[in-house]
Amino acid sequence: MGLRETMNERPWIGYTVVVVLLVAGVFAFLRFVNTADPRSVERLGQMVTVRDRDTGDEWTVNRGRMELALIQQSAKGPLDPKVGLTTPKTGKPSGFPTDNSWEETIKRINEERAAASGGK
């Protein structure tokens, strides 16, 4: 008995294969689309170049560690997008990422903190 005869006698096998392939395709698509999530592992694992506005020095930091430092700073109150990361050499908060994600990150962390504290 060949494949064609089996499929003619038992069409549910073909439908099952099609459903499994569709589910796998949807899963793969959703996984691909969700990489834009700012809290995704892929995004938080990225290395970010930070530049000191005063001295021009650059260093790299893991985005997840950068955001953790910002979250810890936000415990003192809302973050100001004009205040950067603490520069290792000078100790001043004048370091900003070079990838233009700074204001978006600050806004998201402030919103998440406000939502977590009950909108205060």
PDB file of N, CA and C in Angstrom:
ATOM      1  N   MET A   1       0.852  -1.175   0.000  1.00  0.00           N
ATOM      2  CA  MET A   1       0.000   0.000   0.000  1.00  0.00           C
ATOM      3  C   MET A   1       0.898   1.238   0.000  1.00  0.00           C
ATOM      4  N   GLY A   2       0.702   2.127  -0.954  1.00  0.00           N
ATOM      5  CA  GLY A   2       1.512   3.331  -1.090  1.00  0.00           C
ATOM      6  C   GLY A   2       0.947   4.495  -0.295  1.00  0.00           C
ATOM      7  N   LEU A   3       1.656   5.563  -0.331  1.00  0.00           N
ATOM      8  CA  LEU A   3       1.256   6.766   0.397  1.00  0.00           C
ATOM      9  C   LEU A   3      -0.068   7.315  -0.131  1.00  0.00           C
ATOM     10  N   ARG A   4      -0.225   7.326  -1.446  1.00  0.00           N
ATOM     11  CA  ARG A   4      -1.443   7.858  -2.041  1.00  0.00           C
ATOM     12  C   ARG A   4      -2.667   7.049  -1.608  1.00  0.00           C
ATOM     13  N   GLU A   5      -2.540   5.729  -1.600  1.00  0.00           N
ATOM     14  CA  GLU A   5      -3.676   4.891  -1.192  1.00  0.00           C
ATOM     15  C   GLU A   5      -3.995   5.088   0.287  1.00  0.00           C
ATOM     16  N   THR A   6      -2.951   5.220   1.090  1.00  0.00           N
ATOM     17  CA  THR A   6      -3.162   5.433   2.526  1.00  0.00           C
ATOM     18  C   THR A   6      -3.891   6.758   2.757  1.00  0.00           C
ATOM     19  N   MET A   7      -3.476   7.810   2.038  1.00  0.00           N
ATOM     20  CA  MET A   7      -4.121   9.113   2.200  1.00  0.00           C
ATOM     21  C   MET A   7      -5.567   9.082   1.702  1.00  0.00           C
ATOM     22  N   ASN A   8      -5.840   8.316   0.656  1.00  0.00           N
ATOM     23  CA  ASN A   8      -7.212   8.205   0.173  1.00  0.00           C
ATOM     24  C   ASN A   8      -8.090   7.449   1.160  1.00  0.00           C
ATOM     25  N   GLU A   9      -7.530   6.436   1.819  1.00  0.00           N
ATOM     26  CA  GLU A   9      -8.310   5.637   2.773  1.00  0.00           C
ATOM     27  C   GLU A   9      -8.453   6.340   4.128  1.00  0.00           C
ATOM     28  N   ARG A  10      -7.430   7.094   4.514  1.00  0.00           N
ATOM     29  CA  ARG A  10      -7.436   7.759   5.830  1.00  0.00           C
ATOM     30  C   ARG A  10      -7.082   9.238   5.665  1.00  0.00           C
ATOM     31  N   PRO A  11      -8.013  10.067   5.234  1.00  0.00           N
ATOM     32  CA  PRO A  11      -7.706  11.487   4.996  1.00  0.00           C
ATOM     33  C   PRO A  11      -7.372  12.255   6.278  1.00  0.00           C
ATOM     34  N   TRP A  12      -7.755  11.746   7.412  1.00  0.00           N
ATOM     35  CA  TRP A  12      -7.474  12.441   8.663  1.00  0.00           C
ATOM     36  C   TRP A  12      -5.962  12.554   8.917  1.00  0.00           C
ATOM     37  N   ILE A  13      -5.183  11.623   8.367  1.00  0.00           N
ATOM     38  CA  ILE A  13      -3.730  11.691   8.527  1.00  0.00           C
ATOM     39  C   ILE A  13      -3.195  12.955   7.826  1.00  0.00           C
ATOM     40  N   GLY A  14      -3.676  13.216   6.650  1.00  0.00           N
ATOM     41  CA  GLY A  14      -3.251  14.404   5.915  1.00  0.00           C
ATOM     42  C   GLY A  14      -3.658  15.684   6.624  1.00  0.00           C
ATOM     43  N   TYR A  15      -4.893  15.694   7.139  1.00  0.00           N
ATOM     44  CA  TYR A  15      -5.352  16.875   7.863  1.00  0.00           C
ATOM     45  C   TYR A  15      -4.524  17.104   9.125  1.00  0.00           C
ATOM     46  N   THR A  16      -4.174  16.035   9.797  1.00  0.00           N
ATOM     47  CA  THR A  16      -3.358  16.152  11.006  1.00  0.00           C
ATOM     48  C   THR A  16      -1.986  16.734  10.680  1.00  0.00           C
ATOM     49  N   VAL A  17      -1.382  16.265   9.596  1.00  0.00           N
ATOM     50  CA  VAL A  17      -0.070  16.781   9.191  1.00  0.00           C
ATOM     51  C   VAL A  17      -0.172  18.264   8.853  1.00  0.00           C
ATOM     52  N   VAL A  18      -1.212  18.660   8.150  1.00  0.00           N
ATOM     53  CA  VAL A  18      -1.398  20.063   7.786  1.00  0.00           C
ATOM     54  C   VAL A  18      -1.573  20.924   9.038  1.00  0.00           C
ATOM     55  N   VAL A  19      -2.367  20.466   9.996  1.00  0.00           N
ATOM     56  CA  VAL A  19      -2.586  21.227  11.229  1.00  0.00           C
ATOM     57  C   VAL A  19      -1.283  21.366  12.008  1.00  0.00           C
ATOM     58  N   VAL A  20      -0.515  20.286  12.112  1.00  0.00           N
ATOM     59  CA  VAL A  20       0.763  20.343  12.828  1.00  0.00           C
ATOM     60  C   VAL A  20       1.711  21.332  12.150  1.00  0.00           C
ATOM     61  N   LEU A  21       1.781  21.327  10.834  1.00  0.00           N
ATOM     62  CA  LEU A  21       2.637  22.262  10.112  1.00  0.00           C
ATOM     63  C   LEU A  21       2.170  23.711  10.289  1.00  0.00           C
ATOM     64  N   LEU A  22       0.859  23.928  10.287  1.00  0.00           N
ATOM     65  CA  LEU A  22       0.333  25.274  10.506  1.00  0.00           C
ATOM     66  C   LEU A  22       0.657  25.783  11.908  1.00  0.00           C
ATOM     67  N   VAL A  23       0.486  24.933  12.905  1.00  0.00           N
ATOM     68  CA  VAL A  23       0.789  25.321  14.287  1.00  0.00           C
ATOM     69  C   VAL A  23       2.281  25.647  14.416  1.00  0.00           C
ATOM     70  N   ALA A  24       3.135  24.832  13.827  1.00  0.00           N
ATOM     71  CA  ALA A  24       4.578  25.093  13.870  1.00  0.00           C
ATOM     72  C   ALA A  24       4.908  26.397  13.163  1.00  0.00           C
ATOM     73  N   GLY A  25       4.262  26.664  12.042  1.00  0.00           N
ATOM     74  CA  GLY A  25       4.494  27.914  11.321  1.00  0.00           C
ATOM     75  C   GLY A  25       4.061  29.131  12.119  1.00  0.00           C
ATOM     76  N   VAL A  26       2.899  29.053  12.754  1.00  0.00           N
ATOM     77  CA  VAL A  26       2.413  30.168  13.571  1.00  0.00           C
ATOM     78  C   VAL A  26       3.349  30.392  14.759  1.00  0.00           C
ATOM     79  N   PHE A  27       3.782  29.325  15.395  1.00  0.00           N
ATOM     80  CA  PHE A  27       4.705  29.441  16.520  1.00  0.00           C
ATOM     81  C   PHE A  27       6.011  30.117  16.086  1.00  0.00           C
ATOM     82  N   ALA A  28       6.558  29.685  14.967  1.00  0.00           N
ATOM     83  CA  ALA A  28       7.801  30.274  14.468  1.00  0.00           C
ATOM     84  C   ALA A  28       7.599  31.748  14.129  1.00  0.00           C
ATOM     85  N   PHE A  29       6.476  32.088  13.517  1.00  0.00           N
ATOM     86  CA  PHE A  29       6.186  33.478  13.169  1.00  0.00           C
ATOM     87  C   PHE A  29       6.068  34.348  14.421  1.00  0.00           C
ATOM     88  N   LEU A  30       5.330  33.873  15.421  1.00  0.00           N
ATOM     89  CA  LEU A  30       5.162  34.645  16.646  1.00  0.00           C
ATOM     90  C   LEU A  30       6.487  34.807  17.383  1.00  0.00           C
ATOM     91  N   ARG A  31       7.305  33.813  17.343  1.00  0.00           N
ATOM     92  CA  ARG A  31       8.619  33.911  17.981  1.00  0.00           C
ATOM     93  C   ARG A  31       9.466  34.961  17.267  1.00  0.00           C
ATOM     94  N   PHE A  32       9.388  34.996  15.959  1.00  0.00           N
ATOM     95  CA  PHE A  32      10.134  35.983  15.180  1.00  0.00           C
ATOM     96  C   PHE A  32       9.613  37.391  15.454  1.00  0.00           C
ATOM     97  N   VAL A  33       8.303  37.563  15.510  1.00  0.00           N
ATOM     98  CA  VAL A  33       7.690  38.870  15.709  1.00  0.00           C
ATOM     99  C   VAL A  33       7.969  39.397  17.110  1.00  0.00           C
ATOM    100  N   ASN A  34       8.006  38.532  18.114  1.00  0.00           N
ATOM    101  CA  ASN A  34       8.172  38.970  19.499  1.00  0.00           C
ATOM    102  C   ASN A  34       9.592  39.394  19.847  1.00  0.00           C
ATOM    103  N   THR A  35      10.535  39.321  18.918  1.00  0.00           N
ATOM    104  CA  THR A  35      11.887  39.773  19.225  1.00  0.00           C
ATOM    105  C   THR A  35      11.941  41.291  19.385  1.00  0.00           C
ATOM    106  N   ALA A  36      10.891  41.995  18.977  1.00  0.00           N
ATOM    107  CA  ALA A  36      10.841  43.439  19.155  1.00  0.00           C
ATOM    108  C   ALA A  36      10.454  43.817  20.585  1.00  0.00           C
ATOM    109  N   ASP A  37      10.088  42.840  21.388  1.00  0.00           N
ATOM    110  CA  ASP A  37       9.722  43.096  22.777  1.00  0.00           C
ATOM    111  C   ASP A  37      10.936  43.650  23.515  1.00  0.00           C
ATOM    112  N   PRO A  38      10.804  44.801  24.151  1.00  0.00           N
ATOM    113  CA  PRO A  38      11.965  45.391  24.819  1.00  0.00           C
ATOM    114  C   PRO A  38      12.477  44.564  25.988  1.00  0.00           C
ATOM    115  N   ARG A  39      11.691  43.628  26.464  1.00  0.00           N
ATOM    116  CA  ARG A  39      12.115  42.774  27.566  1.00  0.00           C
ATOM    117  C   ARG A  39      12.521  41.383  27.107  1.00  0.00           C
ATOM    118  N   SER A  40      12.686  41.191  25.796  1.00  0.00           N
ATOM    119  CA  SER A  40      13.068  39.876  25.286  1.00  0.00           C
ATOM    120  C   SER A  40      14.515  39.570  25.657  1.00  0.00           C
ATOM    121  N   VAL A  41      14.809  38.305  25.778  1.00  0.00           N
ATOM    122  CA  VAL A  41      16.160  37.866  26.136  1.00  0.00           C
ATOM    123  C   VAL A  41      17.164  38.338  25.090  1.00  0.00           C
ATOM    124  N   GLU A  42      16.768  38.266  23.823  1.00  0.00           N
ATOM    125  CA  GLU A  42      17.671  38.684  22.756  1.00  0.00           C
ATOM    126  C   GLU A  42      18.039  40.160  22.892  1.00  0.00           C
ATOM    127  N   ARG A  43      17.037  40.984  23.171  1.00  0.00           N
ATOM    128  CA  ARG A  43      17.289  42.425  23.271  1.00  0.00           C
ATOM    129  C   ARG A  43      18.097  42.750  24.524  1.00  0.00           C
ATOM    130  N   LEU A  44      17.751  42.155  25.654  1.00  0.00           N
ATOM    131  CA  LEU A  44      18.472  42.448  26.891  1.00  0.00           C
ATOM    132  C   LEU A  44      19.885  41.891  26.873  1.00  0.00           C
ATOM    133  N   GLY A  45      20.161  40.953  25.984  1.00  0.00           N
ATOM    134  CA  GLY A  45      21.501  40.398  25.861  1.00  0.00           C
ATOM    135  C   GLY A  45      22.408  41.182  24.930  1.00  0.00           C
ATOM    136  N   GLN A  46      21.871  42.181  24.268  1.00  0.00           N
ATOM    137  CA  GLN A  46      22.670  42.980  23.330  1.00  0.00           C
ATOM    138  C   GLN A  46      23.719  43.802  24.076  1.00  0.00           C
ATOM    139  N   MET A  47      24.828  44.024  23.390  1.00  0.00           N
ATOM    140  CA  MET A  47      25.850  44.926  23.930  1.00  0.00           C
ATOM    141  C   MET A  47      25.571  46.327  23.376  1.00  0.00           C
ATOM    142  N   VAL A  48      25.618  47.312  24.245  1.00  0.00           N
ATOM    143  CA  VAL A  48      25.318  48.696  23.884  1.00  0.00           C
ATOM    144  C   VAL A  48      26.587  49.528  24.070  1.00  0.00           C
ATOM    145  N   THR A  49      26.882  50.358  23.092  1.00  0.00           N
ATOM    146  CA  THR A  49      28.005  51.288  23.215  1.00  0.00           C
ATOM    147  C   THR A  49      27.499  52.554  23.880  1.00  0.00           C
ATOM    148  N   VAL A  50      28.181  52.953  24.940  1.00  0.00           N
ATOM    149  CA  VAL A  50      27.811  54.149  25.694  1.00  0.00           C
ATOM    150  C   VAL A  50      28.939  55.169  25.533  1.00  0.00           C
ATOM    151  N   ARG A  51      28.562  56.414  25.281  1.00  0.00           N
ATOM    152  CA  ARG A  51      29.545  57.482  25.093  1.00  0.00           C
ATOM    153  C   ARG A  51      29.348  58.547  26.164  1.00  0.00           C
ATOM    154  N   ASP A  52      30.452  58.951  26.767  1.00  0.00           N
ATOM    155  CA  ASP A  52      30.436  60.031  27.742  1.00  0.00           C
ATOM    156  C   ASP A  52      30.361  61.356  26.989  1.00  0.00           C
ATOM    157  N   ARG A  53      29.330  62.144  27.252  1.00  0.00           N
ATOM    158  CA  ARG A  53      29.152  63.417  26.545  1.00  0.00           C
ATOM    159  C   ARG A  53      30.228  64.432  26.909  1.00  0.00           C
ATOM    160  N   ASP A  54      30.805  64.305  28.100  1.00  0.00           N
ATOM    161  CA  ASP A  54      31.826  65.267  28.518  1.00  0.00           C
ATOM    162  C   ASP A  54      33.188  64.972  27.914  1.00  0.00           C
ATOM    163  N   THR A  55      33.618  63.708  27.998  1.00  0.00           N
ATOM    164  CA  THR A  55      34.976  63.363  27.575  1.00  0.00           C
ATOM    165  C   THR A  55      35.039  62.681  26.216  1.00  0.00           C
ATOM    166  N   GLY A  56      33.925  62.136  25.742  1.00  0.00           N
ATOM    167  CA  GLY A  56      33.907  61.412  24.479  1.00  0.00           C
ATOM    168  C   GLY A  56      34.350  59.965  24.603  1.00  0.00           C
ATOM    169  N   ASP A  57      34.707  59.533  25.814  1.00  0.00           N
ATOM    170  CA  ASP A  57      35.095  58.137  26.028  1.00  0.00           C
ATOM    171  C   ASP A  57      33.913  57.221  25.748  1.00  0.00           C
ATOM    172  N   GLU A  58      34.213  56.034  25.235  1.00  0.00           N
ATOM    173  CA  GLU A  58      33.175  55.043  24.956  1.00  0.00           C
ATOM    174  C   GLU A  58      33.485  53.745  25.674  1.00  0.00           C
ATOM    175  N   TRP A  59      32.443  53.038  26.062  1.00  0.00           N
ATOM    176  CA  TRP A  59      32.560  51.710  26.628  1.00  0.00           C
ATOM    177  C   TRP A  59      31.319  50.934  26.263  1.00  0.00           C
ATOM    178  N   THR A  60      31.387  49.620  26.404  1.00  0.00           N
ATOM    179  CA  THR A  60      30.221  48.792  26.094  1.00  0.00           C
ATOM    180  C   THR A  60      29.680  48.195  27.382  1.00  0.00           C
ATOM    181  N   VAL A  61      28.382  48.024  27.365  1.00  0.00           N
ATOM    182  CA  VAL A  61      27.689  47.437  28.510  1.00  0.00           C
ATOM    183  C   VAL A  61      26.541  46.587  27.972  1.00  0.00           C
ATOM    184  N   ASN A  62      26.235  45.537  28.685  1.00  0.00           N
ATOM    185  CA  ASN A  62      25.106  44.684  28.350  1.00  0.00           C
ATOM    186  C   ASN A  62      23.820  45.476  28.587  1.00  0.00           C
ATOM    187  N   ARG A  63      22.881  45.449  27.630  1.00  0.00           N
ATOM    188  CA  ARG A  63      21.642  46.223  27.764  1.00  0.00           C
ATOM    189  C   ARG A  63      20.869  45.845  29.033  1.00  0.00           C
ATOM    190  N   GLY A  64      20.871  44.582  29.372  1.00  0.00           N
ATOM    191  CA  GLY A  64      20.171  44.143  30.581  1.00  0.00           C
ATOM    192  C   GLY A  64      20.764  44.764  31.837  1.00  0.00           C
ATOM    193  N   ARG A  65      22.089  44.818  31.908  1.00  0.00           N
ATOM    194  CA  ARG A  65      22.752  45.443  33.060  1.00  0.00           C
ATOM    195  C   ARG A  65      22.500  46.951  33.089  1.00  0.00           C
ATOM    196  N   MET A  66      22.473  47.560  31.904  1.00  0.00           N
ATOM    197  CA  MET A  66      22.189  48.985  31.827  1.00  0.00           C
ATOM    198  C   MET A  66      20.784  49.274  32.354  1.00  0.00           C
ATOM    199  N   GLU A  67      19.819  48.472  31.906  1.00  0.00           N
ATOM    200  CA  GLU A  67      18.445  48.694  32.349  1.00  0.00           C
ATOM    201  C   GLU A  67      18.282  48.383  33.834  1.00  0.00           C
ATOM    202  N   LEU A  68      19.011  47.391  34.340  1.00  0.00           N
ATOM    203  CA  LEU A  68      18.959  47.097  35.779  1.00  0.00           C
ATOM    204  C   LEU A  68      19.467  48.305  36.570  1.00  0.00           C
ATOM    205  N   ALA A  69      20.550  48.917  36.117  1.00  0.00           N
ATOM    206  CA  ALA A  69      21.067  50.105  36.795  1.00  0.00           C
ATOM    207  C   ALA A  69      20.034  51.227  36.763  1.00  0.00           C
ATOM    208  N   LEU A  70      19.342  51.377  35.645  1.00  0.00           N
ATOM    209  CA  LEU A  70      18.313  52.421  35.540  1.00  0.00           C
ATOM    210  C   LEU A  70      17.133  52.111  36.453  1.00  0.00           C
ATOM    211  N   ILE A  71      16.751  50.856  36.524  1.00  0.00           N
ATOM    212  CA  ILE A  71      15.630  50.468  37.406  1.00  0.00           C
ATOM    213  C   ILE A  71      16.001  50.745  38.856  1.00  0.00           C
ATOM    214  N   GLN A  72      17.235  50.446  39.215  1.00  0.00           N
ATOM    215  CA  GLN A  72      17.674  50.723  40.580  1.00  0.00           C
ATOM    216  C   GLN A  72      17.701  52.223  40.847  1.00  0.00           C
ATOM    217  N   GLN A  73      18.068  53.022  39.864  1.00  0.00           N
ATOM    218  CA  GLN A  73      18.044  54.483  40.018  1.00  0.00           C
ATOM    219  C   GLN A  73      16.614  54.987  40.144  1.00  0.00           C
ATOM    220  N   SER A  74      15.673  54.327  39.467  1.00  0.00           N
ATOM    221  CA  SER A  74      14.299  54.816  39.466  1.00  0.00           C
ATOM    222  C   SER A  74      13.631  54.626  40.817  1.00  0.00           C
ATOM    223  N   ALA A  75      14.252  53.865  41.718  1.00  0.00           N
ATOM    224  CA  ALA A  75      13.698  53.718  43.062  1.00  0.00           C
ATOM    225  C   ALA A  75      13.727  55.061  43.796  1.00  0.00           C
ATOM    226  N   LYS A  76      14.585  55.969  43.351  1.00  0.00           N
ATOM    227  CA  LYS A  76      14.705  57.295  43.962  1.00  0.00           C
ATOM    228  C   LYS A  76      13.699  58.290  43.384  1.00  0.00           C
ATOM    229  N   GLY A  77      12.994  57.872  42.344  1.00  0.00           N
ATOM    230  CA  GLY A  77      12.039  58.751  41.689  1.00  0.00           C
ATOM    231  C   GLY A  77      12.092  58.540  40.195  1.00  0.00           C
ATOM    232  N   PRO A  78      11.235  59.237  39.445  1.00  0.00           N
ATOM    233  CA  PRO A  78      11.243  59.066  37.990  1.00  0.00           C
ATOM    234  C   PRO A  78      12.600  59.427  37.391  1.00  0.00           C
ATOM    235  N   LEU A  79      12.967  58.703  36.367  1.00  0.00           N
ATOM    236  CA  LEU A  79      14.233  58.959  35.685  1.00  0.00           C
ATOM    237  C   LEU A  79      14.116  60.179  34.788  1.00  0.00           C
ATOM    238  N   ASP A  80      15.176  60.942  34.728  1.00  0.00           N
ATOM    239  CA  ASP A  80      15.243  62.104  33.851  1.00  0.00           C
ATOM    240  C   ASP A  80      16.061  61.702  32.617  1.00  0.00           C
ATOM    241  N   PRO A  81      15.501  61.817  31.408  1.00  0.00           N
ATOM    242  CA  PRO A  81      16.248  61.415  30.214  1.00  0.00           C
ATOM    243  C   PRO A  81      17.493  62.264  29.958  1.00  0.00           C
ATOM    244  N   LYS A  82      17.618  63.394  30.632  1.00  0.00           N
ATOM    245  CA  LYS A  82      18.790  64.247  30.451  1.00  0.00           C
ATOM    246  C   LYS A  82      19.961  63.813  31.334  1.00  0.00           C
ATOM    247  N   VAL A  83      19.687  62.899  32.281  1.00  0.00           N
ATOM    248  CA  VAL A  83      20.723  62.383  33.174  1.00  0.00           C
ATOM    249  C   VAL A  83      21.116  61.008  32.665  1.00  0.00           C
ATOM    250  N   GLY A  84      22.391  60.819  32.374  1.00  0.00           N
ATOM    251  CA  GLY A  84      22.863  59.574  31.779  1.00  0.00           C
ATOM    252  C   GLY A  84      23.347  58.561  32.793  1.00  0.00           C
ATOM    253  N   LEU A  85      24.046  57.570  32.279  1.00  0.00           N
ATOM    254  CA  LEU A  85      24.662  56.552  33.110  1.00  0.00           C
ATOM    255  C   LEU A  85      25.931  57.116  33.744  1.00  0.00           C
ATOM    256  N   THR A  86      26.278  56.588  34.885  1.00  0.00           N
ATOM    257  CA  THR A  86      27.489  57.029  35.556  1.00  0.00           C
ATOM    258  C   THR A  86      28.706  56.569  34.768  1.00  0.00           C
ATOM    259  N   THR A  87      29.560  57.520  34.423  1.00  0.00           N
ATOM    260  CA  THR A  87      30.767  57.225  33.663  1.00  0.00           C
ATOM    261  C   THR A  87      31.816  56.635  34.600  1.00  0.00           C
ATOM    262  N   PRO A  88      32.422  55.498  34.221  1.00  0.00           N
ATOM    263  CA  PRO A  88      33.404  54.866  35.115  1.00  0.00           C
ATOM    264  C   PRO A  88      34.596  55.762  35.475  1.00  0.00           C
ATOM    265  N   LYS A  89      35.092  56.550  34.528  1.00  0.00           N
ATOM    266  CA  LYS A  89      36.289  57.362  34.795  1.00  0.00           C
ATOM    267  C   LYS A  89      35.994  58.579  35.660  1.00  0.00           C
ATOM    268  N   THR A  90      34.905  59.282  35.369  1.00  0.00           N
ATOM    269  CA  THR A  90      34.636  60.540  36.066  1.00  0.00           C
ATOM    270  C   THR A  90      33.645  60.399  37.208  1.00  0.00           C
ATOM    271  N   GLY A  91      32.814  59.362  37.157  1.00  0.00           N
ATOM    272  CA  GLY A  91      31.798  59.190  38.189  1.00  0.00           C
ATOM    273  C   GLY A  91      30.596  60.100  38.002  1.00  0.00           C
ATOM    274  N   LYS A  92      30.545  60.799  36.885  1.00  0.00           N
ATOM    275  CA  LYS A  92      29.431  61.706  36.600  1.00  0.00           C
ATOM    276  C   LYS A  92      28.399  60.994  35.722  1.00  0.00           C
ATOM    277  N   PRO A  93      27.135  61.360  35.877  1.00  0.00           N
ATOM    278  CA  PRO A  93      26.082  60.734  35.060  1.00  0.00           C
ATOM    279  C   PRO A  93      25.989  61.384  33.676  1.00  0.00           C
ATOM    280  N   SER A  94      26.987  61.130  32.825  1.00  0.00           N
ATOM    281  CA  SER A  94      27.007  61.762  31.507  1.00  0.00           C
ATOM    282  C   SER A  94      27.191  60.753  30.379  1.00  0.00           C
ATOM    283  N   GLY A  95      26.910  59.476  30.635  1.00  0.00           N
ATOM    284  CA  GLY A  95      27.033  58.453  29.607  1.00  0.00           C
ATOM    285  C   GLY A  95      25.691  58.136  28.980  1.00  0.00           C
ATOM    286  N   PHE A  96      25.648  58.143  27.642  1.00  0.00           N
ATOM    287  CA  PHE A  96      24.405  57.868  26.923  1.00  0.00           C
ATOM    288  C   PHE A  96      24.674  56.857  25.815  1.00  0.00           C
ATOM    289  N   PRO A  97      23.744  55.914  25.594  1.00  0.00           N
ATOM    290  CA  PRO A  97      23.916  54.950  24.504  1.00  0.00           C
ATOM    291  C   PRO A  97      23.972  55.655  23.155  1.00  0.00           C
ATOM    292  N   THR A  98      24.729  55.094  22.239  1.00  0.00           N
ATOM    293  CA  THR A  98      24.872  55.689  20.912  1.00  0.00           C
ATOM    294  C   THR A  98      23.792  55.220  19.946  1.00  0.00           C
ATOM    295  N   ASP A  99      22.894  54.322  20.371  1.00  0.00           N
ATOM    296  CA  ASP A  99      21.927  53.720  19.446  1.00  0.00           C
ATOM    297  C   ASP A  99      20.549  54.372  19.457  1.00  0.00           C
ATOM    298  N   ASN A 100      20.391  55.547  20.040  1.00  0.00           N
ATOM    299  CA  ASN A 100      19.126  56.305  20.022  1.00  0.00           C
ATOM    300  C   ASN A 100      17.973  55.612  20.740  1.00  0.00           C
ATOM    301  N   SER A 101      18.262  54.697  21.661  1.00  0.00           N
ATOM    302  CA  SER A 101      17.187  54.017  22.391  1.00  0.00           C
ATOM    303  C   SER A 101      17.004  54.602  23.788  1.00  0.00           C
ATOM    304  N   TRP A 102      17.758  55.613  24.139  1.00  0.00           N
ATOM    305  CA  TRP A 102      17.788  56.114  25.505  1.00  0.00           C
ATOM    306  C   TRP A 102      16.431  56.640  25.976  1.00  0.00           C
ATOM    307  N   GLU A 103      15.859  57.580  25.242  1.00  0.00           N
ATOM    308  CA  GLU A 103      14.599  58.185  25.697  1.00  0.00           C
ATOM    309  C   GLU A 103      13.468  57.167  25.739  1.00  0.00           C
ATOM    310  N   GLU A 104      13.444  56.263  24.762  1.00  0.00           N
ATOM    311  CA  GLU A 104      12.429  55.202  24.759  1.00  0.00           C
ATOM    312  C   GLU A 104      12.582  54.306  25.990  1.00  0.00           C
ATOM    313  N   THR A 105      13.813  53.967  26.329  1.00  0.00           N
ATOM    314  CA  THR A 105      14.076  53.111  27.493  1.00  0.00           C
ATOM    315  C   THR A 105      13.675  53.824  28.778  1.00  0.00           C
ATOM    316  N   ILE A 106      14.036  55.084  28.914  1.00  0.00           N
ATOM    317  CA  ILE A 106      13.696  55.858  30.111  1.00  0.00           C
ATOM    318  C   ILE A 106      12.178  55.962  30.259  1.00  0.00           C
ATOM    319  N   LYS A 107      11.500  56.252  29.160  1.00  0.00           N
ATOM    320  CA  LYS A 107      10.039  56.378  29.196  1.00  0.00           C
ATOM    321  C   LYS A 107       9.392  55.056  29.617  1.00  0.00           C
ATOM    322  N   ARG A 108       9.874  53.936  29.043  1.00  0.00           N
ATOM    323  CA  ARG A 108       9.301  52.628  29.378  1.00  0.00           C
ATOM    324  C   ARG A 108       9.536  52.280  30.846  1.00  0.00           C
ATOM    325  N   ILE A 109      10.736  52.521  31.358  1.00  0.00           N
ATOM    326  CA  ILE A 109      11.026  52.198  32.757  1.00  0.00           C
ATOM    327  C   ILE A 109      10.188  53.063  33.689  1.00  0.00           C
ATOM    328  N   ASN A 110      10.049  54.344  33.380  1.00  0.00           N
ATOM    329  CA  ASN A 110       9.202  55.218  34.204  1.00  0.00           C
ATOM    330  C   ASN A 110       7.748  54.754  34.192  1.00  0.00           C
ATOM    331  N   GLU A 111       7.242  54.352  33.014  1.00  0.00           N
ATOM    332  CA  GLU A 111       5.860  53.855  32.917  1.00  0.00           C
ATOM    333  C   GLU A 111       5.682  52.558  33.707  1.00  0.00           C
ATOM    334  N   GLU A 112       6.656  51.647  33.577  1.00  0.00           N
ATOM    335  CA  GLU A 112       6.565  50.379  34.312  1.00  0.00           C
ATOM    336  C   GLU A 112       6.627  50.610  35.815  1.00  0.00           C
ATOM    337  N   ARG A 113       7.470  51.518  36.241  1.00  0.00           N
ATOM    338  CA  ARG A 113       7.579  51.816  37.671  1.00  0.00           C
ATOM    339  C   ARG A 113       6.278  52.434  38.183  1.00  0.00           C
ATOM    340  N   ALA A 114       5.687  53.347  37.412  1.00  0.00           N
ATOM    341  CA  ALA A 114       4.424  53.973  37.819  1.00  0.00           C
ATOM    342  C   ALA A 114       3.320  52.940  37.899  1.00  0.00           C
ATOM    343  N   ALA A 115       3.284  52.016  36.930  1.00  0.00           N
ATOM    344  CA  ALA A 115       2.255  50.984  36.953  1.00  0.00           C
ATOM    345  C   ALA A 115       2.456  50.034  38.143  1.00  0.00           C
ATOM    346  N   ALA A 116       3.701  49.743  38.459  1.00  0.00           N
ATOM    347  CA  ALA A 116       3.988  48.825  39.571  1.00  0.00           C
ATOM    348  C   ALA A 116       3.659  49.467  40.920  1.00  0.00           C
ATOM    349  N   SER A 117       3.794  50.791  41.014  1.00  0.00           N
ATOM    350  CA  SER A 117       3.522  51.457  42.272  1.00  0.00           C
ATOM    351  C   SER A 117       2.074  51.916  42.380  1.00  0.00           C
ATOM    352  N   GLY A 118       1.238  51.490  41.471  1.00  0.00           N
ATOM    353  CA  GLY A 118      -0.174  51.824  41.531  1.00  0.00           C
ATOM    354  C   GLY A 118      -0.517  53.152  40.910  1.00  0.00           C
ATOM    355  N   GLY A 119       0.305  53.636  39.982  1.00  0.00           N
ATOM    356  CA  GLY A 119       0.003  54.868  39.265  1.00  0.00           C
ATOM    357  C   GLY A 119       0.320  56.128  40.021  1.00  0.00           C
ATOM    358  N   LYS A 120       1.108  56.020  41.072  1.00  0.00           N
ATOM    359  CA  LYS A 120       1.459  57.211  41.851  1.00  0.00           C
ATOM    360  C   LYS A 120       2.432  58.077  41.128  1.00  0.00           C
TER     361      LYS A 120
END
